[in-house]
Amino acid sequence: MRIALFQPDIPQNTGAILRLCACLDVEAHIIEPAGFPITDRNFRRAGMDYLNHVRLVRHEFWRAFEQWRHDAGSRLLLLTTSGQRCYLDHRYQADDVLLLGRESAGVPDEVRAGADARLVVPMRRDVRSLNVATAASIVLGEALRQTSGFAFAETPPAVEQAPALAPKDI
């Protein structure tokens, strides 16, 4: 599973998504130009020391990313508020790329047309959108669940249950 950010323009969101990728062992791709210098101080602050643990690939422009993706044989799944399918109804594959658009403008028509699927996180109609890092987390969790992408994680120890109280103890 991979996450790709199309020309991100808020460094704190990008840092949060890279931290997500580091923690869940997911490769991250940034399709440039970004709306901020990748070395920007805020970007580093949001990503904290997790940036040393993320596999990050930078693409100079959209067509370079598309060439890489076609060579890799990966499907492109665009997360968008105008998606045609609920993210829960999609069947993910381990080599899929989850694409997130610019916070300020989404993606252009050329990018939208190149997507193999356009997925949406259902939400109330009277609100505009989720934060891009929040949307990435929600969909990535489902995609990893379906593809057994959490295999790296150790099973937590069983939690001991306290004995139930009898009505006379209450």
N, C-alpha and C. Protein backbone atom coordinates (compact mmCIF):
# COMPACT_ATOMS: atom_id res chain seq x y z
N MET A 1 0.85 -1.17 0.00
CA MET A 1 0.00 0.00 0.00
C MET A 1 0.90 1.23 0.00
N ARG A 2 0.48 2.25 -0.71
CA ARG A 2 1.22 3.50 -0.77
C ARG A 2 0.25 4.68 -0.68
N ILE A 3 0.76 5.81 -0.19
CA ILE A 3 0.01 7.06 -0.21
C ILE A 3 0.77 8.04 -1.08
N ALA A 4 0.05 8.74 -1.96
CA ALA A 4 0.66 9.78 -2.78
C ALA A 4 -0.07 11.09 -2.52
N LEU A 5 0.71 12.16 -2.41
CA LEU A 5 0.17 13.50 -2.19
C LEU A 5 0.42 14.32 -3.45
N PHE A 6 -0.66 14.80 -4.05
CA PHE A 6 -0.55 15.61 -5.26
C PHE A 6 -0.35 17.07 -4.87
N GLN A 7 0.83 17.58 -5.13
CA GLN A 7 1.17 18.98 -4.91
C GLN A 7 0.62 19.52 -3.58
N PRO A 8 1.00 18.89 -2.47
CA PRO A 8 0.47 19.33 -1.17
C PRO A 8 0.82 20.79 -0.90
N ASP A 9 -0.08 21.51 -0.23
CA ASP A 9 0.20 22.91 0.03
C ASP A 9 0.17 23.31 1.50
N ILE A 10 -0.04 22.36 2.40
CA ILE A 10 0.01 22.67 3.83
C ILE A 10 1.04 21.74 4.48
N PRO A 11 2.18 22.29 4.90
CA PRO A 11 3.26 21.42 5.40
C PRO A 11 2.87 20.60 6.63
N GLN A 12 2.03 21.14 7.50
CA GLN A 12 1.65 20.39 8.70
C GLN A 12 0.85 19.15 8.33
N ASN A 13 -0.04 19.24 7.34
CA ASN A 13 -0.78 18.06 6.90
C ASN A 13 0.15 17.04 6.27
N THR A 14 1.08 17.51 5.46
CA THR A 14 2.04 16.61 4.84
C THR A 14 2.87 15.90 5.90
N GLY A 15 3.31 16.65 6.90
CA GLY A 15 4.08 16.04 7.98
C GLY A 15 3.26 14.99 8.73
N ALA A 16 1.99 15.29 8.98
CA ALA A 16 1.13 14.32 9.67
C ALA A 16 0.94 13.06 8.84
N ILE A 17 0.80 13.20 7.53
CA ILE A 17 0.62 12.03 6.67
C ILE A 17 1.91 11.23 6.59
N LEU A 18 3.06 11.90 6.55
CA LEU A 18 4.33 11.17 6.54
C LEU A 18 4.54 10.44 7.86
N ARG A 19 4.10 11.03 8.95
CA ARG A 19 4.17 10.35 10.25
C ARG A 19 3.28 9.11 10.22
N LEU A 20 2.08 9.23 9.67
CA LEU A 20 1.17 8.09 9.52
C LEU A 20 1.86 6.98 8.72
N CYS A 21 2.49 7.36 7.61
CA CYS A 21 3.18 6.38 6.76
C CYS A 21 4.32 5.70 7.51
N ALA A 22 5.07 6.47 8.28
CA ALA A 22 6.17 5.89 9.06
C ALA A 22 5.64 4.88 10.07
N CYS A 23 4.60 5.25 10.79
CA CYS A 23 4.06 4.39 11.84
C CYS A 23 3.44 3.11 11.29
N LEU A 24 2.83 3.20 10.11
CA LEU A 24 2.14 2.03 9.54
C LEU A 24 2.95 1.35 8.44
N ASP A 25 4.21 1.76 8.27
CA ASP A 25 5.13 1.16 7.30
C ASP A 25 4.56 1.20 5.88
N VAL A 26 4.13 2.40 5.48
CA VAL A 26 3.55 2.62 4.16
C VAL A 26 4.44 3.60 3.41
N GLU A 27 4.76 3.26 2.18
CA GLU A 27 5.58 4.15 1.35
C GLU A 27 4.80 5.41 1.00
N ALA A 28 5.47 6.56 1.04
CA ALA A 28 4.85 7.84 0.73
C ALA A 28 5.46 8.43 -0.54
N HIS A 29 4.60 9.04 -1.36
CA HIS A 29 5.04 9.70 -2.59
C HIS A 29 4.55 11.13 -2.57
N ILE A 30 5.41 12.06 -2.91
CA ILE A 30 5.02 13.46 -3.06
C ILE A 30 5.19 13.82 -4.53
N ILE A 31 4.10 14.27 -5.13
CA ILE A 31 4.11 14.72 -6.52
C ILE A 31 4.25 16.23 -6.48
N GLU A 32 5.36 16.72 -6.97
CA GLU A 32 5.67 18.15 -6.91
C GLU A 32 5.10 18.89 -8.11
N PRO A 33 5.04 20.19 -8.04
CA PRO A 33 5.62 21.03 -7.00
C PRO A 33 4.72 21.12 -5.77
N ALA A 34 5.33 21.12 -4.61
CA ALA A 34 4.60 21.32 -3.37
C ALA A 34 4.42 22.83 -3.18
N GLY A 35 3.48 23.21 -2.37
CA GLY A 35 3.22 24.62 -2.10
C GLY A 35 4.12 25.18 -1.02
N PHE A 36 5.17 24.46 -0.65
CA PHE A 36 6.11 24.87 0.39
C PHE A 36 7.40 24.12 0.15
N PRO A 37 8.51 24.64 0.64
CA PRO A 37 9.77 23.90 0.51
C PRO A 37 9.70 22.64 1.38
N ILE A 38 10.10 21.54 0.82
CA ILE A 38 10.05 20.27 1.55
C ILE A 38 10.88 20.34 2.83
N THR A 39 11.87 21.18 2.88
CA THR A 39 12.70 21.31 4.07
C THR A 39 12.14 22.35 5.04
N ASP A 40 10.97 22.89 4.77
CA ASP A 40 10.36 23.91 5.62
C ASP A 40 10.29 23.45 7.08
N ARG A 41 10.55 24.36 7.98
CA ARG A 41 10.59 24.08 9.42
C ARG A 41 9.27 23.51 9.95
N ASN A 42 8.14 24.04 9.48
CA ASN A 42 6.84 23.54 9.94
C ASN A 42 6.61 22.10 9.49
N PHE A 43 7.08 21.79 8.31
CA PHE A 43 6.96 20.43 7.77
C PHE A 43 7.72 19.47 8.69
N ARG A 44 8.91 19.83 9.07
CA ARG A 44 9.72 18.99 9.96
C ARG A 44 9.07 18.89 11.34
N ARG A 45 8.50 19.98 11.82
CA ARG A 45 7.89 19.96 13.14
C ARG A 45 6.70 19.01 13.18
N ALA A 46 5.87 19.05 12.13
CA ALA A 46 4.70 18.17 12.09
C ALA A 46 5.11 16.71 11.95
N GLY A 47 6.15 16.45 11.17
CA GLY A 47 6.61 15.08 10.96
C GLY A 47 7.47 14.57 12.09
N MET A 48 8.02 15.49 12.88
CA MET A 48 8.88 15.19 14.01
C MET A 48 9.99 14.23 13.60
N ASP A 49 10.45 13.41 14.51
CA ASP A 49 11.54 12.49 14.18
C ASP A 49 11.05 11.27 13.41
N TYR A 50 9.77 11.21 13.13
CA TYR A 50 9.23 10.10 12.36
C TYR A 50 9.68 10.14 10.90
N LEU A 51 10.07 11.31 10.42
CA LEU A 51 10.48 11.43 9.02
C LEU A 51 11.69 10.55 8.72
N ASN A 52 12.47 10.23 9.72
CA ASN A 52 13.62 9.35 9.51
C ASN A 52 13.18 7.91 9.26
N HIS A 53 11.91 7.60 9.51
CA HIS A 53 11.42 6.23 9.38
C HIS A 53 10.50 6.02 8.18
N VAL A 54 10.25 7.05 7.41
CA VAL A 54 9.33 6.92 6.28
C VAL A 54 10.11 6.68 4.98
N ARG A 55 9.56 5.82 4.15
CA ARG A 55 10.11 5.61 2.81
C ARG A 55 9.43 6.64 1.91
N LEU A 56 10.18 7.67 1.52
CA LEU A 56 9.63 8.79 0.78
C LEU A 56 10.20 8.82 -0.64
N VAL A 57 9.29 8.91 -1.62
CA VAL A 57 9.68 9.03 -3.02
C VAL A 57 9.11 10.34 -3.54
N ARG A 58 9.96 11.14 -4.15
CA ARG A 58 9.51 12.42 -4.71
C ARG A 58 9.50 12.33 -6.23
N HIS A 59 8.43 12.87 -6.81
CA HIS A 59 8.27 12.91 -8.27
C HIS A 59 8.21 14.37 -8.68
N GLU A 60 8.99 14.76 -9.67
CA GLU A 60 9.08 16.17 -10.06
C GLU A 60 7.79 16.73 -10.61
N PHE A 61 6.96 15.88 -11.19
CA PHE A 61 5.69 16.34 -11.76
C PHE A 61 4.78 15.14 -11.98
N TRP A 62 3.51 15.41 -12.32
CA TRP A 62 2.48 14.38 -12.45
C TRP A 62 2.86 13.29 -13.44
N ARG A 63 3.32 13.64 -14.62
CA ARG A 63 3.62 12.63 -15.64
C ARG A 63 4.75 11.69 -15.20
N ALA A 64 5.70 12.18 -14.43
CA ALA A 64 6.77 11.32 -13.90
C ALA A 64 6.18 10.31 -12.92
N PHE A 65 5.26 10.77 -12.09
CA PHE A 65 4.59 9.86 -11.16
C PHE A 65 3.79 8.81 -11.92
N GLU A 66 3.04 9.25 -12.93
CA GLU A 66 2.23 8.32 -13.72
C GLU A 66 3.10 7.28 -14.41
N GLN A 67 4.25 7.68 -14.91
CA GLN A 67 5.17 6.71 -15.54
C GLN A 67 5.64 5.68 -14.51
N TRP A 68 6.01 6.17 -13.32
CA TRP A 68 6.43 5.26 -12.25
C TRP A 68 5.30 4.29 -11.92
N ARG A 69 4.08 4.83 -11.77
CA ARG A 69 2.93 4.00 -11.37
C ARG A 69 2.63 2.93 -12.41
N HIS A 70 2.65 3.30 -13.68
CA HIS A 70 2.38 2.32 -14.73
C HIS A 70 3.47 1.25 -14.76
N ASP A 71 4.71 1.65 -14.57
CA ASP A 71 5.81 0.68 -14.52
C ASP A 71 5.65 -0.27 -13.33
N ALA A 72 5.14 0.25 -12.22
CA ALA A 72 4.94 -0.56 -11.01
C ALA A 72 3.67 -1.42 -11.11
N GLY A 73 2.77 -1.09 -12.03
CA GLY A 73 1.52 -1.84 -12.18
C GLY A 73 0.54 -1.61 -11.04
N SER A 74 0.57 -0.43 -10.45
CA SER A 74 -0.31 -0.11 -9.31
C SER A 74 -1.56 0.62 -9.76
N ARG A 75 -2.67 0.31 -9.08
CA ARG A 75 -3.90 1.06 -9.31
C ARG A 75 -3.84 2.38 -8.56
N LEU A 76 -4.49 3.39 -9.10
CA LEU A 76 -4.55 4.70 -8.48
C LEU A 76 -5.96 4.94 -7.95
N LEU A 77 -6.06 5.13 -6.63
CA LEU A 77 -7.35 5.34 -5.97
C LEU A 77 -7.38 6.76 -5.43
N LEU A 78 -8.18 7.61 -6.03
CA LEU A 78 -8.28 9.00 -5.64
C LEU A 78 -9.29 9.15 -4.51
N LEU A 79 -8.86 9.77 -3.41
CA LEU A 79 -9.77 10.08 -2.31
C LEU A 79 -10.29 11.48 -2.56
N THR A 80 -11.61 11.61 -2.73
CA THR A 80 -12.19 12.88 -3.12
C THR A 80 -13.59 13.04 -2.54
N THR A 81 -13.96 14.27 -2.23
CA THR A 81 -15.31 14.54 -1.72
C THR A 81 -16.36 14.30 -2.81
N SER A 82 -15.94 14.26 -4.06
CA SER A 82 -16.88 13.98 -5.15
C SER A 82 -16.71 12.55 -5.66
N GLY A 83 -16.27 11.66 -4.77
CA GLY A 83 -16.06 10.26 -5.15
C GLY A 83 -17.33 9.57 -5.56
N GLN A 84 -17.18 8.54 -6.36
CA GLN A 84 -18.32 7.78 -6.87
C GLN A 84 -18.64 6.56 -6.02
N ARG A 85 -17.72 6.20 -5.14
CA ARG A 85 -17.89 4.97 -4.37
C ARG A 85 -17.41 5.18 -2.94
N CYS A 86 -18.14 4.65 -1.99
CA CYS A 86 -17.73 4.69 -0.59
C CYS A 86 -16.46 3.86 -0.42
N TYR A 87 -15.50 4.38 0.32
CA TYR A 87 -14.23 3.68 0.52
C TYR A 87 -14.43 2.30 1.15
N LEU A 88 -15.50 2.09 1.90
CA LEU A 88 -15.77 0.80 2.53
C LEU A 88 -16.24 -0.25 1.54
N ASP A 89 -16.75 0.18 0.39
CA ASP A 89 -17.26 -0.74 -0.62
C ASP A 89 -16.20 -1.15 -1.64
N HIS A 90 -15.02 -0.63 -1.49
CA HIS A 90 -13.94 -0.90 -2.45
C HIS A 90 -13.13 -2.11 -1.99
N ARG A 91 -12.64 -2.91 -2.92
CA ARG A 91 -11.75 -4.04 -2.62
C ARG A 91 -10.33 -3.62 -2.95
N TYR A 92 -9.51 -3.46 -1.94
CA TYR A 92 -8.15 -2.96 -2.09
C TYR A 92 -7.19 -4.09 -2.43
N GLN A 93 -6.09 -3.71 -3.08
CA GLN A 93 -4.98 -4.62 -3.37
C GLN A 93 -3.74 -4.07 -2.70
N ALA A 94 -2.82 -4.95 -2.33
CA ALA A 94 -1.65 -4.54 -1.56
C ALA A 94 -0.79 -3.50 -2.26
N ASP A 95 -0.80 -3.44 -3.58
CA ASP A 95 0.05 -2.48 -4.29
C ASP A 95 -0.71 -1.23 -4.75
N ASP A 96 -1.89 -0.99 -4.22
CA ASP A 96 -2.66 0.21 -4.57
C ASP A 96 -1.95 1.47 -4.08
N VAL A 97 -2.25 2.58 -4.76
CA VAL A 97 -1.77 3.91 -4.35
C VAL A 97 -2.99 4.75 -4.00
N LEU A 98 -3.05 5.24 -2.76
CA LEU A 98 -4.11 6.15 -2.34
C LEU A 98 -3.64 7.56 -2.62
N LEU A 99 -4.33 8.28 -3.49
CA LEU A 99 -3.93 9.62 -3.89
C LEU A 99 -4.78 10.67 -3.20
N LEU A 100 -4.13 11.65 -2.60
CA LEU A 100 -4.80 12.78 -1.96
C LEU A 100 -4.43 14.05 -2.70
N GLY A 101 -5.42 14.88 -2.99
CA GLY A 101 -5.19 16.12 -3.72
C GLY A 101 -4.74 17.25 -2.82
N ARG A 102 -4.51 18.39 -3.45
CA ARG A 102 -4.14 19.61 -2.73
C ARG A 102 -5.27 20.01 -1.79
N GLU A 103 -4.91 20.46 -0.62
CA GLU A 103 -5.92 20.89 0.34
C GLU A 103 -6.75 22.04 -0.21
N SER A 104 -6.15 22.91 -0.98
CA SER A 104 -6.82 24.12 -1.47
C SER A 104 -7.61 23.90 -2.76
N ALA A 105 -7.28 22.86 -3.53
CA ALA A 105 -7.90 22.76 -4.86
C ALA A 105 -8.16 21.34 -5.34
N GLY A 106 -7.84 20.33 -4.55
CA GLY A 106 -8.03 18.95 -5.02
C GLY A 106 -7.04 18.61 -6.12
N VAL A 107 -7.54 17.96 -7.17
CA VAL A 107 -6.69 17.60 -8.30
C VAL A 107 -7.32 18.12 -9.59
N PRO A 108 -6.49 18.36 -10.61
CA PRO A 108 -7.05 18.79 -11.89
C PRO A 108 -7.72 17.62 -12.62
N ASP A 109 -8.49 17.96 -13.65
CA ASP A 109 -9.25 16.95 -14.41
C ASP A 109 -8.36 15.84 -14.96
N GLU A 110 -7.16 16.17 -15.42
CA GLU A 110 -6.25 15.16 -15.97
C GLU A 110 -5.92 14.09 -14.92
N VAL A 111 -5.69 14.52 -13.71
CA VAL A 111 -5.37 13.60 -12.62
C VAL A 111 -6.60 12.78 -12.25
N ARG A 112 -7.75 13.45 -12.14
CA ARG A 112 -9.01 12.77 -11.83
C ARG A 112 -9.29 11.68 -12.86
N ALA A 113 -9.08 12.00 -14.13
CA ALA A 113 -9.34 11.04 -15.21
C ALA A 113 -8.40 9.84 -15.15
N GLY A 114 -7.21 10.04 -14.62
CA GLY A 114 -6.24 8.95 -14.55
C GLY A 114 -6.47 7.96 -13.42
N ALA A 115 -7.39 8.29 -12.52
CA ALA A 115 -7.63 7.41 -11.37
C ALA A 115 -8.43 6.18 -11.79
N ASP A 116 -8.08 5.05 -11.21
CA ASP A 116 -8.81 3.80 -11.46
C ASP A 116 -10.10 3.76 -10.66
N ALA A 117 -10.15 4.50 -9.56
CA ALA A 117 -11.37 4.60 -8.75
C ALA A 117 -11.32 5.93 -8.01
N ARG A 118 -12.51 6.47 -7.75
CA ARG A 118 -12.65 7.71 -6.99
C ARG A 118 -13.49 7.38 -5.76
N LEU A 119 -12.85 7.46 -4.59
CA LEU A 119 -13.47 7.00 -3.35
C LEU A 119 -13.80 8.18 -2.45
N VAL A 120 -14.86 8.01 -1.68
CA VAL A 120 -15.31 9.06 -0.78
C VAL A 120 -15.52 8.48 0.62
N VAL A 121 -15.23 9.30 1.62
CA VAL A 121 -15.56 8.97 3.01
C VAL A 121 -16.91 9.64 3.26
N PRO A 122 -17.97 8.87 3.54
CA PRO A 122 -19.28 9.48 3.76
C PRO A 122 -19.26 10.40 4.97
N MET A 123 -19.94 11.52 4.85
CA MET A 123 -20.03 12.46 5.97
C MET A 123 -21.29 13.31 5.82
N ARG A 124 -21.57 14.10 6.80
CA ARG A 124 -22.75 14.96 6.77
C ARG A 124 -22.71 15.87 5.55
N ARG A 125 -23.88 16.15 5.01
CA ARG A 125 -23.97 16.99 3.81
C ARG A 125 -23.73 18.47 4.09
N ASP A 126 -23.90 18.90 5.33
CA ASP A 126 -23.78 20.32 5.63
C ASP A 126 -22.36 20.75 6.02
N VAL A 127 -21.37 19.86 5.84
CA VAL A 127 -19.97 20.20 6.06
C VAL A 127 -19.19 19.96 4.78
N ARG A 128 -18.09 20.68 4.63
CA ARG A 128 -17.36 20.66 3.37
C ARG A 128 -16.47 19.43 3.19
N SER A 129 -15.56 19.20 4.14
CA SER A 129 -14.63 18.09 3.96
C SER A 129 -13.88 17.78 5.26
N LEU A 130 -13.28 16.61 5.28
CA LEU A 130 -12.39 16.22 6.37
C LEU A 130 -11.01 16.81 6.11
N ASN A 131 -10.22 16.92 7.13
CA ASN A 131 -8.81 17.24 6.95
C ASN A 131 -8.18 16.12 6.12
N VAL A 132 -7.27 16.46 5.24
CA VAL A 132 -6.69 15.48 4.32
C VAL A 132 -5.95 14.37 5.08
N ALA A 133 -5.29 14.70 6.18
CA ALA A 133 -4.59 13.67 6.96
C ALA A 133 -5.59 12.74 7.65
N THR A 134 -6.71 13.28 8.08
CA THR A 134 -7.75 12.46 8.68
C THR A 134 -8.34 11.51 7.65
N ALA A 135 -8.65 12.00 6.48
CA ALA A 135 -9.19 11.16 5.41
C ALA A 135 -8.19 10.06 5.04
N ALA A 136 -6.93 10.42 4.95
CA ALA A 136 -5.90 9.42 4.62
C ALA A 136 -5.88 8.32 5.67
N SER A 137 -5.97 8.69 6.94
CA SER A 137 -5.94 7.71 8.04
C SER A 137 -7.12 6.76 7.98
N ILE A 138 -8.29 7.31 7.74
CA ILE A 138 -9.50 6.48 7.70
C ILE A 138 -9.42 5.45 6.59
N VAL A 139 -9.09 5.90 5.40
CA VAL A 139 -9.07 4.99 4.24
C VAL A 139 -7.89 4.04 4.31
N LEU A 140 -6.74 4.52 4.71
CA LEU A 140 -5.57 3.65 4.83
C LEU A 140 -5.83 2.52 5.82
N GLY A 141 -6.48 2.82 6.93
CA GLY A 141 -6.80 1.78 7.90
C GLY A 141 -7.63 0.66 7.29
N GLU A 142 -8.64 1.02 6.53
CA GLU A 142 -9.48 0.00 5.88
C GLU A 142 -8.69 -0.77 4.82
N ALA A 143 -7.89 -0.05 4.04
CA ALA A 143 -7.10 -0.72 2.99
C ALA A 143 -6.11 -1.71 3.60
N LEU A 144 -5.45 -1.32 4.68
CA LEU A 144 -4.50 -2.24 5.33
C LEU A 144 -5.23 -3.41 5.99
N ARG A 145 -6.40 -3.16 6.54
CA ARG A 145 -7.18 -4.25 7.13
C ARG A 145 -7.52 -5.29 6.07
N GLN A 146 -7.99 -4.82 4.91
CA GLN A 146 -8.39 -5.75 3.85
C GLN A 146 -7.21 -6.52 3.26
N THR A 147 -6.04 -5.91 3.21
CA THR A 147 -4.89 -6.54 2.55
C THR A 147 -3.91 -7.16 3.54
N SER A 148 -4.33 -7.30 4.79
CA SER A 148 -3.46 -7.84 5.86
C SER A 148 -2.18 -7.02 5.98
N GLY A 149 -2.30 -5.73 5.77
CA GLY A 149 -1.16 -4.84 5.83
C GLY A 149 -0.67 -4.52 7.22
N PHE A 150 -1.37 -5.00 8.23
CA PHE A 150 -0.93 -4.80 9.61
C PHE A 150 -0.11 -6.00 10.09
N ALA A 151 0.36 -6.83 9.16
CA ALA A 151 1.09 -8.05 9.53
C ALA A 151 2.35 -7.75 10.33
N PHE A 152 2.92 -6.56 10.17
CA PHE A 152 4.14 -6.20 10.90
C PHE A 152 3.88 -6.02 12.39
N ALA A 153 2.66 -5.75 12.74
CA ALA A 153 2.32 -5.43 14.13
C ALA A 153 2.25 -6.69 14.98
N GLU A 154 2.77 -6.59 16.18
CA GLU A 154 2.65 -7.68 17.12
C GLU A 154 1.25 -7.69 17.69
N THR A 155 0.75 -8.86 17.98
CA THR A 155 -0.56 -8.95 18.63
C THR A 155 -0.40 -8.51 20.07
N PRO A 156 -1.19 -7.54 20.51
CA PRO A 156 -1.05 -7.09 21.90
C PRO A 156 -1.44 -8.21 22.86
N PRO A 157 -0.87 -8.20 24.04
CA PRO A 157 -1.23 -9.24 25.01
C PRO A 157 -2.70 -9.11 25.39
N ALA A 158 -3.28 -10.24 25.72
CA ALA A 158 -4.69 -10.24 26.12
C ALA A 158 -4.84 -9.41 27.39
N VAL A 159 -5.93 -8.69 27.44
CA VAL A 159 -6.22 -7.87 28.62
C VAL A 159 -7.07 -8.71 29.56
N GLU A 160 -6.63 -8.76 30.81
CA GLU A 160 -7.41 -9.50 31.79
C GLU A 160 -8.68 -8.74 32.09
N GLN A 161 -9.77 -9.46 32.10
CA GLN A 161 -11.06 -8.86 32.42
C GLN A 161 -11.30 -8.96 33.92
N ALA A 162 -11.76 -7.87 34.48
CA ALA A 162 -12.13 -7.89 35.90
C ALA A 162 -13.38 -8.74 36.05
N PRO A 163 -13.49 -9.46 37.14
CA PRO A 163 -14.70 -10.26 37.34
C PRO A 163 -15.92 -9.35 37.42
N ALA A 164 -17.00 -9.83 36.87
CA ALA A 164 -18.24 -9.07 36.91
C ALA A 164 -18.73 -8.97 38.33
N LEU A 165 -19.29 -7.82 38.64
CA LEU A 165 -19.85 -7.64 39.98
C LEU A 165 -21.25 -8.22 40.04
N ALA A 166 -21.52 -8.90 41.11
CA ALA A 166 -22.87 -9.42 41.33
C ALA A 166 -23.73 -8.28 41.82
N PRO A 167 -25.02 -8.33 41.55
CA PRO A 167 -25.93 -7.26 41.97
C PRO A 167 -25.79 -6.93 43.46
N LYS A 168 -25.51 -7.91 44.31
CA LYS A 168 -25.39 -7.63 45.74
C LYS A 168 -24.15 -6.83 46.06
N ASP A 169 -23.11 -6.84 45.14
CA ASP A 169 -21.88 -6.10 45.35
C ASP A 169 -22.02 -4.63 44.99
N ILE A 170 -23.05 -4.28 44.29
CA ILE A 170 -23.21 -2.91 43.81
C ILE A 170 -23.86 -2.04 44.83
